[in-house]
Amino acid sequence: MTLHDPTGFSINPLLFVPAAAFPQVTALPERHTLPGAELLVFRFANGYGAAVTRQMSRPEDSAFEFCVLDCTLPEPQPCFTTPVAASFRSGLSHTDVHALLMLAERLPLHERCVQANAALIHEEF
């Protein structure tokens, strides 16, 4: 559904849905709107990230889905090898997701990042 304001511009009503905020997470997410949902993609300095989906039609206490991402690849991919989340998690509250995001952001440096750093030590510039 698209609304039109008096100046003739189209307005997407999803733009007025308040975005889920996670103030203690230092990475700013990429925000994507999906039909009936909002997708936030976080990329952390440790080589990991997270995909958070908020289903607009669900109650706030179970509206969220969470997945850890491997962000060392050209396109982030789901990662199920961390202690944060061994699978996709759904039916989560905002508080649950906030805690998982903080854990994912504090994971040790991804093994590929460790290997890349070690390789750079031996390079001459």
Protein backbone atom coordinates (compact mmCIF):
# COMPACT_ATOMS: atom_id res chain seq x y z
CA MET A 1 0.00 0.00 0.00
CA THR A 2 1.35 3.40 -0.95
CA LEU A 3 0.01 6.69 0.33
CA HIS A 4 0.31 10.01 -1.46
CA ASP A 5 0.85 13.28 0.33
CA PRO A 6 -0.51 16.61 -1.03
CA THR A 7 2.80 17.39 -2.77
CA GLY A 8 2.42 14.28 -4.95
CA PHE A 9 5.19 12.21 -3.36
CA SER A 10 4.56 8.54 -2.63
CA ILE A 11 4.87 7.49 1.01
CA ASN A 12 5.58 3.93 2.07
CA PRO A 13 3.73 3.33 5.38
CA LEU A 14 6.46 0.89 6.51
CA LEU A 15 8.81 3.86 6.74
CA PHE A 16 6.80 5.06 9.72
CA VAL A 17 7.12 1.82 11.68
CA PRO A 18 9.60 2.44 14.48
CA ALA A 19 12.81 0.47 13.95
CA ALA A 20 13.92 -1.90 16.67
CA ALA A 21 16.74 -0.22 18.57
CA PHE A 22 19.61 -1.99 20.33
CA PRO A 23 21.48 0.87 22.05
CA GLN A 24 24.30 -1.14 23.69
CA VAL A 25 25.29 -2.80 20.40
CA THR A 26 28.01 -0.71 18.76
CA ALA A 27 27.45 -1.84 15.15
CA LEU A 28 24.74 -0.04 13.22
CA PRO A 29 22.56 -2.42 11.21
CA GLU A 30 21.61 -2.36 7.56
CA ARG A 31 17.82 -2.03 7.59
CA HIS A 32 15.68 -3.84 5.03
CA THR A 33 11.90 -3.86 4.79
CA LEU A 34 10.20 -7.11 3.84
CA PRO A 35 6.50 -7.81 3.40
CA GLY A 36 5.21 -7.68 6.97
CA ALA A 37 8.68 -7.67 8.51
CA GLU A 38 11.85 -5.72 9.10
CA LEU A 39 15.29 -7.29 8.63
CA LEU A 40 18.32 -5.86 10.41
CA VAL A 41 21.76 -7.11 9.35
CA PHE A 42 24.59 -6.40 11.78
CA ARG A 43 28.30 -6.75 10.90
CA PHE A 44 30.73 -6.84 13.80
CA ALA A 45 34.47 -6.11 13.82
CA ASN A 46 35.19 -9.69 14.95
CA GLY A 47 34.13 -11.14 11.56
CA TYR A 48 30.70 -12.23 12.75
CA GLY A 49 27.34 -10.57 12.40
CA ALA A 50 23.69 -11.22 13.01
CA ALA A 51 20.43 -11.22 11.11
CA VAL A 52 17.45 -10.05 13.14
CA THR A 53 13.97 -10.26 11.69
CA ARG A 54 11.02 -8.54 13.36
CA GLN A 55 7.61 -9.84 12.31
CA MET A 56 5.19 -6.89 12.44
CA SER A 57 2.10 -9.06 12.90
CA ARG A 58 3.38 -10.83 16.03
CA PRO A 59 3.25 -9.60 19.63
CA GLU A 60 6.38 -7.74 20.71
CA ASP A 61 7.36 -10.45 23.22
CA SER A 62 7.75 -13.05 20.42
CA ALA A 63 8.17 -10.99 17.25
CA PHE A 64 11.89 -11.55 16.67
CA GLU A 65 14.05 -14.13 14.88
CA PHE A 66 17.84 -14.28 15.24
CA CYS A 67 20.75 -15.88 13.43
CA VAL A 68 24.52 -15.45 13.79
CA LEU A 69 26.24 -14.62 10.49
CA ASP A 70 29.72 -15.35 9.15
CA CYS A 71 30.71 -11.97 7.70
CA THR A 72 34.16 -13.04 6.47
CA LEU A 73 32.62 -14.24 3.20
CA PRO A 74 31.69 -11.92 0.31
CA GLU A 75 28.01 -12.33 1.29
CA PRO A 76 27.21 -12.98 4.97
CA GLN A 77 26.07 -16.55 5.57
CA PRO A 78 24.32 -18.18 8.54
CA CYS A 79 26.84 -19.56 11.03
CA PHE A 80 25.84 -22.33 13.42
CA THR A 81 29.24 -23.02 14.99
CA THR A 82 29.25 -20.37 17.72
CA PRO A 83 28.08 -20.75 21.31
CA VAL A 84 25.69 -17.82 20.78
CA ALA A 85 23.16 -19.64 18.58
CA ALA A 86 23.59 -23.10 17.06
CA SER A 87 20.52 -22.59 14.84
CA PHE A 88 17.94 -20.02 13.77
CA ARG A 89 16.11 -18.80 16.88
CA SER A 90 12.51 -17.60 16.61
CA GLY A 91 9.77 -16.42 18.95
CA LEU A 92 12.19 -14.13 20.76
CA SER A 93 11.53 -10.90 22.59
CA HIS A 94 13.43 -7.66 22.03
CA THR A 95 15.30 -8.30 25.30
CA ASP A 96 16.32 -11.80 24.16
CA VAL A 97 17.64 -10.49 20.85
CA HIS A 98 19.48 -7.63 22.53
CA ALA A 99 21.33 -10.11 24.77
CA LEU A 100 22.19 -12.37 21.80
CA LEU A 101 23.49 -9.42 19.78
CA MET A 102 25.77 -8.37 22.61
CA LEU A 103 27.11 -11.95 22.89
CA ALA A 104 27.71 -12.17 19.13
CA GLU A 105 29.51 -8.84 19.10
CA ARG A 106 31.81 -10.07 21.87
CA LEU A 107 32.75 -13.38 20.22
CA PRO A 108 36.50 -13.90 19.73
CA LEU A 109 37.93 -12.88 16.39
CA HIS A 110 36.72 -15.19 13.60
CA GLU A 111 39.33 -17.79 12.56
CA ARG A 112 39.53 -16.37 9.00
CA CYS A 113 40.32 -12.93 10.45
CA VAL A 114 43.03 -14.48 12.66
CA GLN A 115 44.55 -16.20 9.61
CA ALA A 116 44.40 -13.01 7.54
CA ASN A 117 46.09 -11.02 10.30
CA ALA A 118 48.83 -13.65 10.61
CA ALA A 119 49.42 -13.55 6.83
CA LEU A 120 49.67 -9.76 6.89
CA ILE A 121 52.37 -9.84 9.55
CA HIS A 122 54.72 -11.52 7.05
CA GLU A 123 53.95 -9.13 4.18
CA GLU A 124 56.31 -6.34 3.19
CA PHE A 125 54.69 -3.10 2.10
